[in-house]
PDB file of N, CA and C in Angstrom:
ATOM      1  N   UNK A   1       0.848  -1.275  -0.030  1.00  0.00           N
ATOM      2  CA  UNK A   1       0.047   0.015  -0.048  1.00  0.00           C
ATOM      3  C   UNK A   1       0.847   1.184  -0.012  1.00  0.00           C
ATOM      4  N   UNK A   2       0.469   2.151  -0.870  1.00  0.00           N
ATOM      5  CA  UNK A   2       1.198   3.495  -0.840  1.00  0.00           C
ATOM      6  C   UNK A   2       0.885   4.389   0.257  1.00  0.00           C
ATOM      7  N   UNK A   3       1.953   4.960   0.826  1.00  0.00           N
ATOM      8  CA  UNK A   3       1.731   5.876   2.036  1.00  0.00           C
ATOM      9  C   UNK A   3       1.351   7.230   1.455  1.00  0.00           C
ATOM     10  N   UNK A   4       0.110   7.814   1.622  1.00  0.00           N
ATOM     11  CA  UNK A   4      -0.231   9.095   1.106  1.00  0.00           C
ATOM     12  C   UNK A   4       0.128  10.187   2.113  1.00  0.00           C
ATOM     13  N   UNK A   5       0.074  11.385   1.641  1.00  0.00           N
ATOM     14  CA  UNK A   5       0.289  12.525   2.455  1.00  0.00           C
ATOM     15  C   UNK A   5      -0.809  12.569   3.754  1.00  0.00           C
ATOM     16  N   UNK A   6      -2.064  12.193   3.375  1.00  0.00           N
ATOM     17  CA  UNK A   6      -3.101  12.142   4.312  1.00  0.00           C
ATOM     18  C   UNK A   6      -2.882  11.077   5.440  1.00  0.00           C
ATOM     19  N   UNK A   7      -2.437   9.844   4.950  1.00  0.00           N
ATOM     20  CA  UNK A   7      -2.246   8.785   5.850  1.00  0.00           C
ATOM     21  C   UNK A   7      -1.005   9.092   6.873  1.00  0.00           C
ATOM     22  N   UNK A   8      -0.023   9.785   6.293  1.00  0.00           N
ATOM     23  CA  UNK A   8       1.029  10.214   7.122  1.00  0.00           C
ATOM     24  C   UNK A   8       0.574  11.289   8.168  1.00  0.00           C
ATOM     25  N   UNK A   9      -0.194  12.083   7.749  1.00  0.00           N
ATOM     26  CA  UNK A   9      -0.707  13.172   8.704  1.00  0.00           C
ATOM     27  C   UNK A   9      -1.557  12.380   9.776  1.00  0.00           C
ATOM     28  N   UNK A  10      -2.435  11.506   9.337  1.00  0.00           N
ATOM     29  CA  UNK A  10      -3.261  10.877  10.333  1.00  0.00           C
ATOM     30  C   UNK A  10      -2.431  10.074  11.408  1.00  0.00           C
ATOM     31  N   UNK A  11      -1.408   9.363  10.844  1.00  0.00           N
ATOM     32  CA  UNK A  11      -0.592   8.604  11.635  1.00  0.00           C
ATOM     33  C   UNK A  11       0.217   9.509  12.773  1.00  0.00           C
ATOM     34  N   UNK A  12       0.678  10.658  12.271  1.00  0.00           N
ATOM     35  CA  UNK A  12       1.416  11.532  13.107  1.00  0.00           C
ATOM     36  C   UNK A  12       0.658  12.384  14.110  1.00  0.00           C
ATOM     37  N   UNK A  13      -0.603  12.700  13.692  1.00  0.00           N
ATOM     38  CA  UNK A  13      -1.351  13.828  14.326  1.00  0.00           C
ATOM     39  C   UNK A  13      -2.590  13.489  15.062  1.00  0.00           C
ATOM     40  N   UNK A  14      -3.137  12.326  14.741  1.00  0.00           N
ATOM     41  CA  UNK A  14      -4.514  12.018  15.171  1.00  0.00           C
ATOM     42  C   UNK A  14      -4.503  10.686  16.020  1.00  0.00           C
ATOM     43  N   UNK A  15      -5.245  10.658  17.036  1.00  0.00           N
ATOM     44  CA  UNK A  15      -5.482   9.409  17.792  1.00  0.00           C
ATOM     45  C   UNK A  15      -6.931   9.172  17.786  1.00  0.00           C
ATOM     46  N   UNK A  16      -7.254   7.815  17.814  1.00  0.00           N
ATOM     47  CA  UNK A  16      -8.692   7.464  17.846  1.00  0.00           C
ATOM     48  C   UNK A  16      -8.957   7.092  19.359  1.00  0.00           C
ATOM     49  N   UNK A  17      -9.924   7.785  19.909  1.00  0.00           N
ATOM     50  CA  UNK A  17     -10.339   7.526  21.279  1.00  0.00           C
ATOM     51  C   UNK A  17     -11.722   7.100  21.327  1.00  0.00           C
ATOM     52  N   UNK A  18     -11.911   5.649  21.185  1.00  0.00           N
ATOM     53  CA  UNK A  18     -13.177   5.080  21.076  1.00  0.00           C
ATOM     54  C   UNK A  18     -14.120   5.267  22.308  1.00  0.00           C
ATOM     55  N   UNK A  19     -13.467   5.573  23.425  1.00  0.00           N
ATOM     56  CA  UNK A  19     -14.219   5.702  24.687  1.00  0.00           C
ATOM     57  C   UNK A  19     -14.782   7.125  24.883  1.00  0.00           C
ATOM     58  N   UNK A  20     -14.731   8.087  23.956  1.00  0.00           N
ATOM     59  CA  UNK A  20     -15.259   9.303  24.161  1.00  0.00           C
ATOM     60  C   UNK A  20     -16.192   9.728  23.110  1.00  0.00           C
ATOM     61  N   UNK A  21     -17.062  10.518  23.376  1.00  0.00           N
ATOM     62  CA  UNK A  21     -18.145  11.004  22.439  1.00  0.00           C
ATOM     63  C   UNK A  21     -17.520  12.305  21.783  1.00  0.00           C
ATOM     64  N   UNK A  22     -16.436  12.763  22.254  1.00  0.00           N
ATOM     65  CA  UNK A  22     -16.014  14.038  21.547  1.00  0.00           C
ATOM     66  C   UNK A  22     -15.282  13.493  20.301  1.00  0.00           C
ATOM     67  N   UNK A  23     -14.961  14.558  19.475  1.00  0.00           N
ATOM     68  CA  UNK A  23     -14.236  14.339  18.258  1.00  0.00           C
ATOM     69  C   UNK A  23     -13.677  15.693  17.626  1.00  0.00           C
ATOM     70  N   UNK A  24     -13.296  15.688  16.420  1.00  0.00           N
ATOM     71  CA  UNK A  24     -12.781  16.915  15.854  1.00  0.00           C
ATOM     72  C   UNK A  24     -13.864  17.430  14.849  1.00  0.00           C
ATOM     73  N   UNK A  25     -14.100  18.604  14.933  1.00  0.00           N
ATOM     74  CA  UNK A  25     -14.938  19.222  13.830  1.00  0.00           C
ATOM     75  C   UNK A  25     -14.098  19.429  12.554  1.00  0.00           C
ATOM     76  N   UNK A  26     -14.758  19.587  11.448  1.00  0.00           N
ATOM     77  CA  UNK A  26     -13.947  19.617  10.177  1.00  0.00           C
ATOM     78  C   UNK A  26     -13.028  20.719  10.276  1.00  0.00           C
ATOM     79  N   UNK A  27     -13.462  21.890  10.666  1.00  0.00           N
ATOM     80  CA  UNK A  27     -12.580  23.058  10.618  1.00  0.00           C
ATOM     81  C   UNK A  27     -11.287  22.807  11.468  1.00  0.00           C
ATOM     82  N   UNK A  28     -11.432  22.236  12.615  1.00  0.00           N
ATOM     83  CA  UNK A  28     -10.261  21.905  13.495  1.00  0.00           C
ATOM     84  C   UNK A  28      -9.376  20.905  12.867  1.00  0.00           C
ATOM     85  N   UNK A  29     -10.042  19.845  12.284  1.00  0.00           N
ATOM     86  CA  UNK A  29      -9.239  18.730  11.606  1.00  0.00           C
ATOM     87  C   UNK A  29      -8.481  19.383  10.542  1.00  0.00           C
ATOM     88  N   UNK A  30      -9.037  20.260   9.720  1.00  0.00           N
ATOM     89  CA  UNK A  30      -8.310  20.804   8.518  1.00  0.00           C
ATOM     90  C   UNK A  30      -7.275  21.775   9.097  1.00  0.00           C
ATOM     91  N   UNK A  31      -7.566  22.579  10.124  1.00  0.00           N
ATOM     92  CA  UNK A  31      -6.611  23.404  10.641  1.00  0.00           C
ATOM     93  C   UNK A  31      -5.424  22.691  11.181  1.00  0.00           C
ATOM     94  N   UNK A  32      -5.626  21.582  11.870  1.00  0.00           N
ATOM     95  CA  UNK A  32      -4.506  20.660  12.259  1.00  0.00           C
ATOM     96  C   UNK A  32      -3.656  20.173  11.149  1.00  0.00           C
ATOM     97  N   UNK A  33      -4.230  19.813  10.001  1.00  0.00           N
ATOM     98  CA  UNK A  33      -3.590  19.437   8.820  1.00  0.00           C
ATOM     99  C   UNK A  33      -2.820  20.574   8.256  1.00  0.00           C
ATOM    100  N   UNK A  34      -3.323  21.773   8.269  1.00  0.00           N
ATOM    101  CA  UNK A  34      -2.583  22.914   7.817  1.00  0.00           C
ATOM    102  C   UNK A  34      -1.304  23.067   8.560  1.00  0.00           C
ATOM    103  N   UNK A  35      -1.494  23.093   9.837  1.00  0.00           N
ATOM    104  CA  UNK A  35      -0.323  23.189  10.814  1.00  0.00           C
ATOM    105  C   UNK A  35       0.720  22.124  10.570  1.00  0.00           C
ATOM    106  N   UNK A  36       0.321  20.929  10.343  1.00  0.00           N
ATOM    107  CA  UNK A  36       1.259  19.776  10.043  1.00  0.00           C
ATOM    108  C   UNK A  36       1.958  20.097   8.736  1.00  0.00           C
ATOM    109  N   UNK A  37       1.242  20.593   7.718  1.00  0.00           N
ATOM    110  CA  UNK A  37       1.845  20.862   6.354  1.00  0.00           C
ATOM    111  C   UNK A  37       2.970  22.120   6.600  1.00  0.00           C
ATOM    112  N   UNK A  38       2.544  23.078   7.356  1.00  0.00           N
ATOM    113  CA  UNK A  38       3.467  24.198   7.514  1.00  0.00           C
ATOM    114  C   UNK A  38       4.792  23.698   8.300  1.00  0.00           C
ATOM    115  N   UNK A  39       4.560  22.874   9.329  1.00  0.00           N
ATOM    116  CA  UNK A  39       5.715  22.542  10.127  1.00  0.00           C
ATOM    117  C   UNK A  39       6.613  21.565   9.261  1.00  0.00           C
ATOM    118  N   UNK A  40       6.104  20.834   8.408  1.00  0.00           N
ATOM    119  CA  UNK A  40       6.731  19.822   7.569  1.00  0.00           C
ATOM    120  C   UNK A  40       7.140  20.299   6.226  1.00  0.00           C
ATOM    121  N   UNK A  41       6.802  21.654   5.985  1.00  0.00           N
ATOM    122  CA  UNK A  41       7.056  22.264   4.594  1.00  0.00           C
ATOM    123  C   UNK A  41       6.370  21.456   3.562  1.00  0.00           C
ATOM    124  N   UNK A  42       5.211  21.151   3.683  1.00  0.00           N
ATOM    125  CA  UNK A  42       4.384  20.306   2.738  1.00  0.00           C
ATOM    126  C   UNK A  42       3.334  21.271   2.124  1.00  0.00           C
ATOM    127  N   UNK A  43       2.959  21.023   0.884  1.00  0.00           N
ATOM    128  CA  UNK A  43       1.867  21.836   0.281  1.00  0.00           C
ATOM    129  C   UNK A  43       0.491  21.285   0.586  1.00  0.00           C
ATOM    130  N   UNK A  44      -0.328  22.022   1.208  1.00  0.00           N
ATOM    131  CA  UNK A  44      -1.663  21.324   1.765  1.00  0.00           C
ATOM    132  C   UNK A  44      -2.552  21.287   0.490  1.00  0.00           C
ATOM    133  N   UNK A  45      -3.511  20.372   0.637  1.00  0.00           N
ATOM    134  CA  UNK A  45      -4.492  20.139  -0.397  1.00  0.00           C
ATOM    135  C   UNK A  45      -5.708  21.083  -0.065  1.00  0.00           C
ATOM    136  N   UNK A  46      -6.588  21.438  -0.959  1.00  0.00           N
ATOM    137  CA  UNK A  46      -7.685  22.272  -0.582  1.00  0.00           C
ATOM    138  C   UNK A  46      -8.668  21.408   0.385  1.00  0.00           C
ATOM    139  N   UNK A  47      -9.500  22.214   1.021  1.00  0.00           N
ATOM    140  CA  UNK A  47     -10.410  21.647   2.074  1.00  0.00           C
ATOM    141  C   UNK A  47     -11.270  20.532   1.466  1.00  0.00           C
ATOM    142  N   UNK A  48     -11.762  20.792   0.370  1.00  0.00           N
ATOM    143  CA  UNK A  48     -12.714  19.880  -0.342  1.00  0.00           C
ATOM    144  C   UNK A  48     -12.014  18.480  -0.576  1.00  0.00           C
ATOM    145  N   UNK A  49     -10.745  18.594  -1.123  1.00  0.00           N
ATOM    146  CA  UNK A  49      -9.952  17.451  -1.334  1.00  0.00           C
ATOM    147  C   UNK A  49      -9.592  16.777  -0.034  1.00  0.00           C
ATOM    148  N   UNK A  50      -9.453  17.560   1.106  1.00  0.00           N
ATOM    149  CA  UNK A  50      -9.116  16.890   2.248  1.00  0.00           C
ATOM    150  C   UNK A  50     -10.333  16.133   2.808  1.00  0.00           C
ATOM    151  N   UNK A  51     -11.511  16.631   2.675  1.00  0.00           N
ATOM    152  CA  UNK A  51     -12.681  15.920   3.046  1.00  0.00           C
ATOM    153  C   UNK A  51     -12.716  14.637   2.308  1.00  0.00           C
ATOM    154  N   UNK A  52     -12.528  14.634   0.965  1.00  0.00           N
ATOM    155  CA  UNK A  52     -12.533  13.457   0.267  1.00  0.00           C
ATOM    156  C   UNK A  52     -11.447  12.458   0.658  1.00  0.00           C
ATOM    157  N   UNK A  53     -10.296  12.923   0.912  1.00  0.00           N
ATOM    158  CA  UNK A  53      -9.127  11.993   1.302  1.00  0.00           C
ATOM    159  C   UNK A  53      -9.502  11.442   2.837  1.00  0.00           C
ATOM    160  N   UNK A  54     -10.281  12.176   3.700  1.00  0.00           N
ATOM    161  CA  UNK A  54     -10.580  11.537   4.982  1.00  0.00           C
ATOM    162  C   UNK A  54     -11.574  10.317   4.640  1.00  0.00           C
ATOM    163  N   UNK A  55     -12.413  10.630   3.868  1.00  0.00           N
ATOM    164  CA  UNK A  55     -13.398   9.434   3.459  1.00  0.00           C
ATOM    165  C   UNK A  55     -12.672   8.312   2.774  1.00  0.00           C
ATOM    166  N   UNK A  56     -11.682   8.534   1.978  1.00  0.00           N
ATOM    167  CA  UNK A  56     -10.980   7.442   1.404  1.00  0.00           C
ATOM    168  C   UNK A  56     -10.135   6.624   2.524  1.00  0.00           C
ATOM    169  N   UNK A  57      -9.742   7.441   3.530  1.00  0.00           N
ATOM    170  CA  UNK A  57      -9.149   6.721   4.691  1.00  0.00           C
ATOM    171  C   UNK A  57     -10.074   6.013   5.662  1.00  0.00           C
ATOM    172  N   UNK A  58     -11.356   6.132   5.342  1.00  0.00           N
ATOM    173  CA  UNK A  58     -12.449   5.611   6.165  1.00  0.00           C
ATOM    174  C   UNK A  58     -12.894   6.258   7.261  1.00  0.00           C
ATOM    175  N   UNK A  59     -12.748   7.553   7.310  1.00  0.00           N
ATOM    176  CA  UNK A  59     -13.277   8.428   8.265  1.00  0.00           C
ATOM    177  C   UNK A  59     -14.467   9.118   7.796  1.00  0.00           C
ATOM    178  N   UNK A  60     -15.528   8.779   8.542  1.00  0.00           N
ATOM    179  CA  UNK A  60     -16.841   9.396   8.187  1.00  0.00           C
ATOM    180  C   UNK A  60     -17.370  10.328   9.193  1.00  0.00           C
ATOM    181  N   UNK A  61     -17.763  11.513   8.858  1.00  0.00           N
ATOM    182  CA  UNK A  61     -18.267  12.478   9.958  1.00  0.00           C
ATOM    183  C   UNK A  61     -19.693  12.202  10.252  1.00  0.00           C
ATOM    184  N   UNK A  62     -20.187  12.708  11.372  1.00  0.00           N
ATOM    185  CA  UNK A  62     -21.566  12.837  11.708  1.00  0.00           C
ATOM    186  C   UNK A  62     -21.972  14.229  11.757  1.00  0.00           C
ATOM    187  N   UNK A  63     -23.196  14.452  11.534  1.00  0.00           N
ATOM    188  CA  UNK A  63     -23.756  15.902  11.591  1.00  0.00           C
ATOM    189  C   UNK A  63     -24.121  16.170  13.068  1.00  0.00           C
ATOM    190  N   UNK A  64     -23.636  17.296  13.511  1.00  0.00           N
ATOM    191  CA  UNK A  64     -24.113  17.762  14.902  1.00  0.00           C
ATOM    192  C   UNK A  64     -24.381  19.188  14.871  1.00  0.00           C
ATOM    193  N   UNK A  65     -25.534  19.601  14.923  1.00  0.00           N
ATOM    194  CA  UNK A  65     -25.927  20.976  14.987  1.00  0.00           C
ATOM    195  C   UNK A  65     -25.447  21.654  13.694  1.00  0.00           C
ATOM    196  N   UNK A  66     -25.351  21.168  12.553  1.00  0.00           N
ATOM    197  CA  UNK A  66     -24.945  21.684  11.370  1.00  0.00           C
ATOM    198  C   UNK A  66     -23.502  21.565  11.147  1.00  0.00           C
ATOM    199  N   UNK A  67     -22.732  21.001  11.961  1.00  0.00           N
ATOM    200  CA  UNK A  67     -21.307  20.842  11.969  1.00  0.00           C
ATOM    201  C   UNK A  67     -20.962  19.305  11.584  1.00  0.00           C
ATOM    202  N   UNK A  68     -19.899  19.183  10.854  1.00  0.00           N
ATOM    203  CA  UNK A  68     -19.350  17.835  10.671  1.00  0.00           C
ATOM    204  C   UNK A  68     -18.423  17.520  11.612  1.00  0.00           C
ATOM    205  N   UNK A  69     -18.634  16.445  12.422  1.00  0.00           N
ATOM    206  CA  UNK A  69     -17.798  16.027  13.546  1.00  0.00           C
ATOM    207  C   UNK A  69     -17.271  14.667  13.278  1.00  0.00           C
ATOM    208  N   UNK A  70     -15.890  14.431  13.437  1.00  0.00           N
ATOM    209  CA  UNK A  70     -15.270  13.109  13.295  1.00  0.00           C
ATOM    210  C   UNK A  70     -15.227  12.601  14.733  1.00  0.00           C
ATOM    211  N   UNK A  71     -16.197  11.788  15.187  1.00  0.00           N
ATOM    212  CA  UNK A  71     -16.199  11.266  16.467  1.00  0.00           C
ATOM    213  C   UNK A  71     -14.989  10.380  16.887  1.00  0.00           C
ATOM    214  N   UNK A  72     -14.569  10.575  18.168  1.00  0.00           N
ATOM    215  CA  UNK A  72     -13.472   9.771  18.687  1.00  0.00           C
ATOM    216  C   UNK A  72     -12.137  10.211  18.239  1.00  0.00           C
ATOM    217  N   UNK A  73     -12.071  11.266  17.468  1.00  0.00           N
ATOM    218  CA  UNK A  73     -10.715  11.706  16.963  1.00  0.00           C
ATOM    219  C   UNK A  73     -10.110  12.719  17.915  1.00  0.00           C
ATOM    220  N   UNK A  74      -8.828  12.616  18.301  1.00  0.00           N
ATOM    221  CA  UNK A  74      -8.133  13.515  19.071  1.00  0.00           C
ATOM    222  C   UNK A  74      -6.859  14.020  18.376  1.00  0.00           C
ATOM    223  N   UNK A  75      -6.287  15.202  18.813  1.00  0.00           N
ATOM    224  CA  UNK A  75      -5.122  15.732  18.295  1.00  0.00           C
ATOM    225  C   UNK A  75      -3.915  15.365  19.137  1.00  0.00           C
ATOM    226  N   UNK A  76      -2.768  15.040  18.514  1.00  0.00           N
ATOM    227  CA  UNK A  76      -1.448  14.894  19.257  1.00  0.00           C
ATOM    228  C   UNK A  76      -0.326  15.456  18.359  1.00  0.00           C
ATOM    229  N   UNK A  77       0.920  15.466  19.055  1.00  0.00           N
ATOM    230  CA  UNK A  77       2.029  15.856  18.444  1.00  0.00           C
ATOM    231  C   UNK A  77       2.397  17.373  18.291  1.00  0.00           C
ATOM    232  N   UNK A  78       3.444  17.709  17.520  1.00  0.00           N
ATOM    233  CA  UNK A  78       3.872  19.136  17.386  1.00  0.00           C
ATOM    234  C   UNK A  78       2.792  19.965  16.635  1.00  0.00           C
ATOM    235  N   UNK A  79       2.156  19.283  15.674  1.00  0.00           N
ATOM    236  CA  UNK A  79       1.225  20.035  14.817  1.00  0.00           C
ATOM    237  C   UNK A  79       0.013  20.400  15.708  1.00  0.00           C
ATOM    238  N   UNK A  80      -0.401  19.564  16.629  1.00  0.00           N
ATOM    239  CA  UNK A  80      -1.526  19.748  17.498  1.00  0.00           C
ATOM    240  C   UNK A  80      -1.087  21.105  18.357  1.00  0.00           C
ATOM    241  N   UNK A  81       0.069  21.057  18.945  1.00  0.00           N
ATOM    242  CA  UNK A  81       0.599  22.182  19.763  1.00  0.00           C
ATOM    243  C   UNK A  81       0.514  23.474  18.944  1.00  0.00           C
ATOM    244  N   UNK A  82       1.062  23.366  17.710  1.00  0.00           N
ATOM    245  CA  UNK A  82       1.114  24.555  16.828  1.00  0.00           C
ATOM    246  C   UNK A  82      -0.316  25.051  16.533  1.00  0.00           C
ATOM    247  N   UNK A  83      -1.218  24.190  16.191  1.00  0.00           N
ATOM    248  CA  UNK A  83      -2.531  24.634  15.982  1.00  0.00           C
ATOM    249  C   UNK A  83      -3.266  25.213  17.164  1.00  0.00           C
ATOM    250  N   UNK A  84      -3.051  24.649  18.321  1.00  0.00           N
ATOM    251  CA  UNK A  84      -3.718  25.213  19.486  1.00  0.00           C
ATOM    252  C   UNK A  84      -3.033  26.468  19.867  1.00  0.00           C
ATOM    253  N   UNK A  85      -1.758  26.643  19.820  1.00  0.00           N
ATOM    254  CA  UNK A  85      -1.104  27.937  20.204  1.00  0.00           C
ATOM    255  C   UNK A  85      -1.478  28.979  19.228  1.00  0.00           C
ATOM    256  N   UNK A  86      -1.682  28.636  17.993  1.00  0.00           N
ATOM    257  CA  UNK A  86      -2.039  29.726  16.926  1.00  0.00           C
ATOM    258  C   UNK A  86      -3.587  29.966  16.748  1.00  0.00           C
ATOM    259  N   UNK A  87      -4.369  29.242  17.522  1.00  0.00           N
ATOM    260  CA  UNK A  87      -5.814  29.293  17.467  1.00  0.00           C
ATOM    261  C   UNK A  87      -6.409  30.043  18.510  1.00  0.00           C
ATOM    262  N   UNK A  88      -5.742  30.093  19.726  1.00  0.00           N
ATOM    263  CA  UNK A  88      -6.252  30.742  20.984  1.00  0.00           C
ATOM    264  C   UNK A  88      -5.913  32.183  20.923  1.00  0.00           C
ATOM    265  N   UNK A  89      -6.754  33.107  21.024  1.00  0.00           N
ATOM    266  CA  UNK A  89      -6.526  34.492  21.101  1.00  0.00           C
ATOM    267  C   UNK A  89      -5.714  34.824  22.408  1.00  0.00           C
ATOM    268  N   UNK A  90      -4.738  35.639  22.364  1.00  0.00           N
ATOM    269  CA  UNK A  90      -3.957  36.016  23.618  1.00  0.00           C
ATOM    270  C   UNK A  90      -4.704  37.283  24.211  1.00  0.00           C
ATOM    271  N   UNK A  91      -5.187  38.190  23.397  1.00  0.00           N
ATOM    272  CA  UNK A  91      -5.775  39.379  23.985  1.00  0.00           C
ATOM    273  C   UNK A  91      -7.261  39.225  23.728  1.00  0.00           C
ATOM    274  N   UNK A  92      -8.012  39.228  24.883  1.00  0.00           N
ATOM    275  CA  UNK A  92      -9.477  38.964  24.672  1.00  0.00           C
ATOM    276  C   UNK A  92     -10.243  40.213  25.168  1.00  0.00           C
ATOM    277  N   UNK A  93      -9.565  41.373  25.603  1.00  0.00           N
ATOM    278  CA  UNK A  93     -10.300  42.404  25.993  1.00  0.00           C
ATOM    279  C   UNK A  93     -11.096  43.154  24.916  1.00  0.00           C
ATOM    280  N   UNK A  94     -12.226  43.731  25.207  1.00  0.00           N
ATOM    281  CA  UNK A  94     -13.018  44.383  24.201  1.00  0.00           C
ATOM    282  C   UNK A  94     -12.489  45.742  24.016  1.00  0.00           C
ATOM    283  N   UNK A  95     -12.890  46.367  22.934  1.00  0.00           N
ATOM    284  CA  UNK A  95     -12.465  47.791  22.615  1.00  0.00           C
ATOM    285  C   UNK A  95     -12.795  48.723  23.591  1.00  0.00           C
ATOM    286  N   UNK A  96     -13.840  48.452  24.514  1.00  0.00           N
ATOM    287  CA  UNK A  96     -14.413  49.428  25.470  1.00  0.00           C
ATOM    288  C   UNK A  96     -13.355  49.435  26.704  1.00  0.00           C
ATOM    289  N   UNK A  97     -12.564  48.334  26.796  1.00  0.00           N
ATOM    290  CA  UNK A  97     -11.682  48.131  27.911  1.00  0.00           C
ATOM    291  C   UNK A  97     -10.328  48.941  27.606  1.00  0.00           C
ATOM    292  N   UNK A  98     -10.042  49.398  26.369  1.00  0.00           N
ATOM    293  CA  UNK A  98      -8.887  50.029  26.047  1.00  0.00           C
ATOM    294  C   UNK A  98      -9.021  51.526  26.380  1.00  0.00           C
ATOM    295  N   UNK A  99      -7.981  52.014  27.120  1.00  0.00           N
ATOM    296  CA  UNK A  99      -8.156  53.449  27.509  1.00  0.00           C
ATOM    297  C   UNK A  99      -7.870  54.286  26.406  1.00  0.00           C
ATOM    298  N   UNK A 100      -8.574  55.464  26.360  1.00  0.00           N
ATOM    299  CA  UNK A 100      -8.570  56.314  25.281  1.00  0.00           C
ATOM    300  C   UNK A 100      -7.759  57.540  25.763  1.00  0.00           C
ATOM    301  N   UNK A 101      -6.799  57.982  25.026  1.00  0.00           N
ATOM    302  CA  UNK A 101      -6.077  59.112  25.429  1.00  0.00           C
ATOM    303  C   UNK A 101      -6.323  60.308  24.481  1.00  0.00           C
ATOM    304  N   UNK A 102      -6.723  61.354  25.027  1.00  0.00           N
ATOM    305  CA  UNK A 102      -7.090  62.555  24.259  1.00  0.00           C
ATOM    306  C   UNK A 102      -5.933  63.441  24.164  1.00  0.00           C
ATOM    307  N   UNK A 103      -5.538  63.784  22.862  1.00  0.00           N
ATOM    308  CA  UNK A 103      -4.457  64.700  22.633  1.00  0.00           C
ATOM    309  C   UNK A 103      -5.054  66.067  22.033  1.00  0.00           C
ATOM    310  N   UNK A 104      -4.740  67.059  22.887  1.00  0.00           N
ATOM    311  CA  UNK A 104      -5.340  68.312  22.537  1.00  0.00           C
ATOM    312  C   UNK A 104      -4.332  69.071  21.573  1.00  0.00           C
ATOM    313  N   UNK A 105      -4.769  69.801  20.721  1.00  0.00           N
ATOM    314  CA  UNK A 105      -3.856  70.432  19.798  1.00  0.00           C
ATOM    315  C   UNK A 105      -2.894  71.325  20.447  1.00  0.00           C
ATOM    316  N   UNK A 106      -3.301  72.015  21.356  1.00  0.00           N
ATOM    317  CA  UNK A 106      -2.439  73.106  22.024  1.00  0.00           C
ATOM    318  C   UNK A 106      -1.324  72.407  22.861  1.00  0.00           C
ATOM    319  N   UNK A 107      -1.512  71.180  23.146  1.00  0.00           N
ATOM    320  CA  UNK A 107      -0.445  70.475  23.892  1.00  0.00           C
ATOM    321  C   UNK A 107       0.680  69.905  23.069  1.00  0.00           C
ATOM    322  N   UNK A 108       0.481  69.908  21.728  1.00  0.00           N
ATOM    323  CA  UNK A 108       1.473  69.436  20.785  1.00  0.00           C
ATOM    324  C   UNK A 108       2.424  70.574  20.494  1.00  0.00           C
ATOM    325  N   UNK A 109       3.689  70.557  20.728  1.00  0.00           N
ATOM    326  CA  UNK A 109       4.660  71.573  20.368  1.00  0.00           C
ATOM    327  C   UNK A 109       4.745  71.707  18.845  1.00  0.00           C
ATOM    328  N   UNK A 110       4.938  72.936  18.347  1.00  0.00           N
ATOM    329  CA  UNK A 110       5.097  73.184  17.057  1.00  0.00           C
ATOM    330  C   UNK A 110       6.616  73.030  16.698  1.00  0.00           C
ATOM    331  N   UNK A 111       6.941  72.569  15.459  1.00  0.00           N
ATOM    332  CA  UNK A 111       8.269  72.558  15.016  1.00  0.00           C
ATOM    333  C   UNK A 111       8.571  73.636  14.109  1.00  0.00           C
ATOM    334  N   UNK A 112       9.405  74.560  14.507  1.00  0.00           N
ATOM    335  CA  UNK A 112       9.666  75.791  13.671  1.00  0.00           C
ATOM    336  C   UNK A 112      11.168  75.960  13.445  1.00  0.00           C
TER     337      UNK A 112
END
């Protein structure tokens, strides 16, 4: 059997956890794949081809509230760390929490 890019990705980045109802939604799964490609300097396939490749590998999603979920799937390895670290916003304050400093025109010295 030929080792494909997707089968390598699955082997390195995904674990099957049959004892859990959780899983990866499609966007997370594809984001993990993109992180794996970036770290490995590989050219990613488009999301539509990725969905087809997962089906060829025997992974079938279920629909949950309009989202495609791959049940029992979990992330592992360096690509998982990269995906999580680059997906979580560091600054979560709203614009109303940022102090506004008023600069009055007469306070600015002229350059002559």
